[in-house]
């Protein structure tokens, strides 16, 4: 089998097996080498201008998980998953991204992979796209709106939107890396971020967009088998061709195996 076919087959199996697990086995811990490998893969995630605006706190302490469950999580499901999961990956998004530019510039310069022009514009471009504050965002929006009819201009968005977007890429990589080791995961947004921030001593400069419970799926007494993936919209409802709403022709054609690409 050709390498590309092996890669696509493997990735397809991993991606399509990943799903949100509702119950974890509290008696099984993730081996340290496995967790480290998951984190190393997670750290390869892409980010705009390579600014890497994400930190991740891995919570494994039973006492700390219990406290988070009691004091910060919303809903019974999130509360017991927090306790039962082997580890919680708490994803943090830097809301003061400008403070990272010098460090990233140093990394890029030492790596020697970028051309001189890119290195020249990196600090300015990164500062423009990720500038913090409502007023800064409004001023940039006015400038881009005025120039957009004349020349292409970057999309201006609040730093929260930019940083959360990049953190989400890393969180998805984390869940896929975990699935490759047979681990289960569940992304959770139902929590009191103020309380969670206080318990984990998270600095004010970071937002907390999501927490990923990770471990092994419970298959003990009362387990009735895998529930399967939740339903998805049809392919034709999600993917368009050329312009919005236009049918993508490959969705109605048979692939090389003779099977239809239906969702």
Protein backbone atom coordinates (compact mmCIF):
# COMPACT_ATOMS: atom_id res chain seq x y z
CA UNK A 1 0.00 0.00 0.00
CA UNK A 2 1.37 3.44 -0.94
CA UNK A 3 2.41 5.71 1.97
CA UNK A 4 -0.23 8.34 1.11
CA UNK A 5 -2.92 5.66 1.15
CA UNK A 6 -1.69 4.39 4.51
CA UNK A 7 -1.75 7.91 5.95
CA UNK A 8 -5.23 8.68 4.67
CA UNK A 9 -6.63 5.35 5.81
CA UNK A 10 -5.13 5.75 9.27
CA UNK A 11 -6.25 9.34 9.68
CA UNK A 12 -9.75 8.58 8.43
CA UNK A 13 -10.08 5.78 10.99
CA UNK A 14 -8.88 8.04 13.80
CA UNK A 15 -11.01 11.05 12.86
CA UNK A 16 -14.17 9.04 12.33
CA UNK A 17 -13.75 7.09 15.56
CA UNK A 18 -13.43 10.24 17.64
CA UNK A 19 -16.59 11.23 19.46
CA UNK A 20 -17.62 12.87 22.70
CA UNK A 21 -17.59 10.25 25.44
CA UNK A 22 -20.27 10.59 28.09
CA UNK A 23 -18.72 8.39 30.77
CA UNK A 24 -15.13 7.67 31.69
CA UNK A 25 -13.61 4.74 33.57
CA UNK A 26 -12.43 6.21 36.91
CA UNK A 27 -10.22 3.20 37.51
CA UNK A 28 -7.95 3.70 34.49
CA UNK A 29 -5.19 6.28 34.27
CA UNK A 30 -3.46 7.45 31.12
CA UNK A 31 0.16 6.17 31.11
CA UNK A 32 2.65 9.03 31.25
CA UNK A 33 4.37 8.12 27.93
CA UNK A 34 1.00 8.09 26.17
CA UNK A 35 -0.03 11.46 27.58
CA UNK A 36 3.34 12.97 26.70
CA UNK A 37 3.04 11.73 23.11
CA UNK A 38 -0.44 13.25 22.86
CA UNK A 39 0.91 16.58 24.09
CA UNK A 40 3.88 16.50 21.73
CA UNK A 41 1.52 16.00 18.79
CA UNK A 42 -0.80 18.71 20.11
CA UNK A 43 2.11 21.14 20.21
CA UNK A 44 2.52 20.86 16.42
CA UNK A 45 -0.83 22.61 15.83
CA UNK A 46 -0.82 25.61 13.47
CA UNK A 47 -1.50 29.20 14.53
CA UNK A 48 -1.66 32.58 12.84
CA UNK A 49 1.84 34.03 12.34
CA UNK A 50 3.02 31.09 14.47
CA UNK A 51 2.19 33.17 17.56
CA UNK A 52 1.00 30.05 19.42
CA UNK A 53 -1.43 31.89 21.75
CA UNK A 54 -2.32 28.79 23.78
CA UNK A 55 -1.30 27.29 27.08
CA UNK A 56 -2.77 24.05 28.42
CA UNK A 57 -3.09 22.99 32.05
CA UNK A 58 -3.23 19.22 32.53
CA UNK A 59 -5.15 18.41 35.71
CA UNK A 60 -4.69 14.86 37.04
CA UNK A 61 -4.93 15.32 40.81
CA UNK A 62 -8.06 13.58 42.15
CA UNK A 63 -8.46 16.26 44.82
CA UNK A 64 -8.21 19.09 42.30
CA UNK A 65 -10.60 17.39 39.88
CA UNK A 66 -13.05 16.87 42.73
CA UNK A 67 -12.86 20.54 43.69
CA UNK A 68 -13.38 21.65 40.09
CA UNK A 69 -16.35 19.31 39.85
CA UNK A 70 -17.97 20.71 43.00
CA UNK A 71 -17.18 24.39 42.60
CA UNK A 72 -16.80 25.21 38.91
CA UNK A 73 -18.57 22.77 36.61
CA UNK A 74 -22.15 23.28 35.44
CA UNK A 75 -24.53 20.34 35.10
CA UNK A 76 -24.27 16.83 36.47
CA UNK A 77 -22.73 15.42 33.30
CA UNK A 78 -19.76 17.76 33.30
CA UNK A 79 -19.38 17.36 37.05
CA UNK A 80 -19.00 13.58 37.04
CA UNK A 81 -16.91 13.55 33.86
CA UNK A 82 -14.52 15.96 35.56
CA UNK A 83 -14.03 13.50 38.42
CA UNK A 84 -13.96 10.27 36.42
CA UNK A 85 -11.70 11.34 33.53
CA UNK A 86 -8.03 10.50 33.98
CA UNK A 87 -7.00 14.01 32.97
CA UNK A 88 -8.51 17.39 32.19
CA UNK A 89 -6.88 19.51 29.51
CA UNK A 90 -7.75 23.11 30.33
CA UNK A 91 -7.11 25.21 27.23
CA UNK A 92 -6.11 28.84 27.76
CA UNK A 93 -6.13 31.58 25.12
CA UNK A 94 -3.77 34.53 25.49
CA UNK A 95 -5.72 37.80 25.27
CA UNK A 96 -2.55 39.89 25.34
CA UNK A 97 -0.93 38.29 22.33
CA UNK A 98 1.33 41.26 21.71
CA UNK A 99 3.40 40.18 24.70
CA UNK A 100 4.37 37.01 22.81
CA UNK A 101 5.69 38.66 19.66
CA UNK A 102 9.27 39.12 20.87
CA UNK A 103 9.54 35.49 21.98
CA UNK A 104 8.14 34.18 18.69
CA UNK A 105 10.38 36.54 16.73
CA UNK A 106 13.37 35.10 18.61
CA UNK A 107 12.30 31.53 17.82
CA UNK A 108 11.80 32.33 14.15
CA UNK A 109 15.12 34.13 13.88
CA UNK A 110 17.04 31.29 15.52
CA UNK A 111 15.33 28.72 13.28
CA UNK A 112 16.43 30.65 10.19
CA UNK A 113 13.51 29.35 8.13
CA UNK A 114 11.93 32.68 7.15
CA UNK A 115 13.06 35.12 4.50
CA UNK A 116 14.25 38.57 5.68
CA UNK A 117 11.15 40.36 4.37
CA UNK A 118 8.85 38.14 6.45
CA UNK A 119 10.92 38.77 9.57
CA UNK A 120 10.70 42.51 8.95
CA UNK A 121 6.92 42.60 8.74
CA UNK A 122 6.21 39.96 11.41
CA UNK A 123 6.08 42.28 14.45
CA UNK A 124 3.99 44.91 12.67
CA UNK A 125 1.56 42.48 11.05
CA UNK A 126 1.13 40.44 14.22
CA UNK A 127 0.49 43.58 16.24
CA UNK A 128 -2.10 44.82 13.74
CA UNK A 129 -4.03 41.57 13.58
CA UNK A 130 -3.99 40.81 17.29
CA UNK A 131 -4.07 44.24 18.90
CA UNK A 132 -5.99 44.23 22.14
CA UNK A 133 -8.79 46.50 23.23
CA UNK A 134 -12.16 47.58 21.89
CA UNK A 135 -10.92 50.98 20.73
CA UNK A 136 -7.95 49.49 18.89
CA UNK A 137 -10.25 47.03 17.13
CA UNK A 138 -12.63 49.80 16.06
CA UNK A 139 -9.85 51.99 14.72
CA UNK A 140 -8.40 49.13 12.72
CA UNK A 141 -11.85 48.27 11.38
CA UNK A 142 -12.35 51.85 10.19
CA UNK A 143 -8.99 51.77 8.44
CA UNK A 144 -9.60 48.46 6.71
CA UNK A 145 -13.16 49.41 5.71
CA UNK A 146 -11.85 52.57 4.08
CA UNK A 147 -9.09 50.80 2.14
CA UNK A 148 -10.85 47.55 1.25
CA UNK A 149 -12.59 48.97 -1.86
CA UNK A 150 -9.15 49.92 -3.18
CA UNK A 151 -7.01 46.93 -2.17
CA UNK A 152 -7.33 43.66 -0.24
CA UNK A 153 -7.20 44.23 3.52
CA UNK A 154 -6.98 41.80 6.45
CA UNK A 155 -10.08 40.98 8.45
CA UNK A 156 -10.05 42.73 11.80
CA UNK A 157 -11.50 40.83 14.73
CA UNK A 158 -11.36 41.19 18.52
CA UNK A 159 -8.35 39.52 20.08
CA UNK A 160 -10.66 37.08 21.88
CA UNK A 161 -12.01 35.81 18.56
CA UNK A 162 -8.53 35.50 17.06
CA UNK A 163 -7.02 33.76 20.07
CA UNK A 164 -9.96 31.43 20.70
CA UNK A 165 -9.93 30.42 17.04
CA UNK A 166 -6.29 29.42 17.21
CA UNK A 167 -6.75 27.62 20.52
CA UNK A 168 -9.60 25.60 19.00
CA UNK A 169 -7.21 24.27 16.36
CA UNK A 170 -4.95 22.98 19.12
CA UNK A 171 -7.85 21.46 21.05
CA UNK A 172 -8.99 19.53 17.99
CA UNK A 173 -5.46 18.25 17.41
CA UNK A 174 -5.42 17.14 21.05
CA UNK A 175 -8.61 15.09 20.69
CA UNK A 176 -7.37 13.41 17.51
CA UNK A 177 -3.99 12.64 19.07
CA UNK A 178 -5.80 11.17 22.07
CA UNK A 179 -8.03 9.07 19.81
CA UNK A 180 -4.95 7.67 18.06
CA UNK A 181 -3.99 6.09 21.40
CA UNK A 182 -7.46 4.70 22.02
CA UNK A 183 -8.32 7.45 24.49
CA UNK A 184 -11.77 8.96 24.84
CA UNK A 185 -12.44 12.67 25.19
CA UNK A 186 -15.24 15.14 25.73
CA UNK A 187 -15.01 18.88 25.08
CA UNK A 188 -16.77 20.86 27.80
CA UNK A 189 -17.85 24.49 27.85
CA UNK A 190 -20.22 24.33 30.83
CA UNK A 191 -18.26 25.81 33.71
CA UNK A 192 -17.86 28.99 35.73
CA UNK A 193 -14.69 30.42 34.23
CA UNK A 194 -14.15 32.83 37.13
CA UNK A 195 -14.15 29.99 39.64
CA UNK A 196 -12.07 27.75 37.40
CA UNK A 197 -9.56 30.57 36.94
CA UNK A 198 -9.34 31.05 40.69
CA UNK A 199 -8.88 27.35 41.49
CA UNK A 200 -6.17 26.85 38.85
CA UNK A 201 -4.51 30.24 39.49
CA UNK A 202 -4.87 31.34 35.86
CA UNK A 203 -3.61 34.90 35.16
CA UNK A 204 -6.17 37.46 34.00
CA UNK A 205 -4.56 37.76 30.56
CA UNK A 206 -5.91 34.33 29.56
CA UNK A 207 -9.40 33.31 28.48
CA UNK A 208 -10.60 29.75 29.07
CA UNK A 209 -12.55 28.70 25.96
CA UNK A 210 -12.89 25.01 26.76
CA UNK A 211 -11.88 22.06 28.90
CA UNK A 212 -11.33 18.59 27.43
CA UNK A 213 -11.97 15.62 29.71
CA UNK A 214 -9.73 12.74 28.63
CA UNK A 215 -9.33 9.12 29.65
CA UNK A 216 -10.72 5.70 28.86
CA UNK A 217 -14.37 5.10 28.10
CA UNK A 218 -16.29 3.28 30.81
CA UNK A 219 -17.20 -0.26 29.77
CA UNK A 220 -18.05 -1.79 33.12
CA UNK A 221 -21.31 -2.77 34.77
CA UNK A 222 -24.30 -1.17 33.12
CA UNK A 223 -22.42 -0.36 29.92
CA UNK A 224 -24.68 -1.01 26.96
CA UNK A 225 -22.14 -0.58 24.18
CA UNK A 226 -20.85 2.34 22.16
CA UNK A 227 -23.51 4.91 21.40
CA UNK A 228 -21.99 5.85 18.05
CA UNK A 229 -21.47 9.29 16.61
CA UNK A 230 -24.08 12.00 16.92
CA UNK A 231 -25.89 12.83 13.64
CA UNK A 232 -24.36 15.30 11.23
CA UNK A 233 -25.88 17.56 8.60
CA UNK A 234 -25.85 16.16 5.09
CA UNK A 235 -22.74 16.85 3.02
CA UNK A 236 -24.73 19.03 0.63
CA UNK A 237 -25.82 21.22 3.56
CA UNK A 238 -22.25 21.90 4.63
CA UNK A 239 -20.09 21.96 1.51
CA UNK A 240 -20.70 24.26 -1.46
CA UNK A 241 -18.94 24.63 -4.79
CA UNK A 242 -17.42 27.91 -5.97
CA UNK A 243 -20.01 30.24 -4.34
CA UNK A 244 -22.29 30.08 -1.32
CA UNK A 245 -25.19 27.73 -1.76
CA UNK A 246 -23.99 26.32 -5.08
CA UNK A 247 -23.98 22.55 -5.37
CA UNK A 248 -20.59 20.87 -5.15
CA UNK A 249 -20.61 18.39 -8.02
CA UNK A 250 -18.33 15.79 -6.43
CA UNK A 251 -20.96 15.11 -3.77
CA UNK A 252 -23.26 13.58 -6.37
CA UNK A 253 -20.57 11.55 -8.12
CA UNK A 254 -19.25 8.12 -7.19
CA UNK A 255 -15.69 7.96 -5.93
CA UNK A 256 -13.11 5.50 -7.19
CA UNK A 257 -14.52 2.74 -4.98
CA UNK A 258 -17.98 3.18 -6.43
CA UNK A 259 -19.39 4.47 -3.14
CA UNK A 260 -21.20 7.76 -2.85
CA UNK A 261 -19.76 10.49 -0.67
CA UNK A 262 -22.81 10.88 1.49
CA UNK A 263 -22.71 12.23 5.06
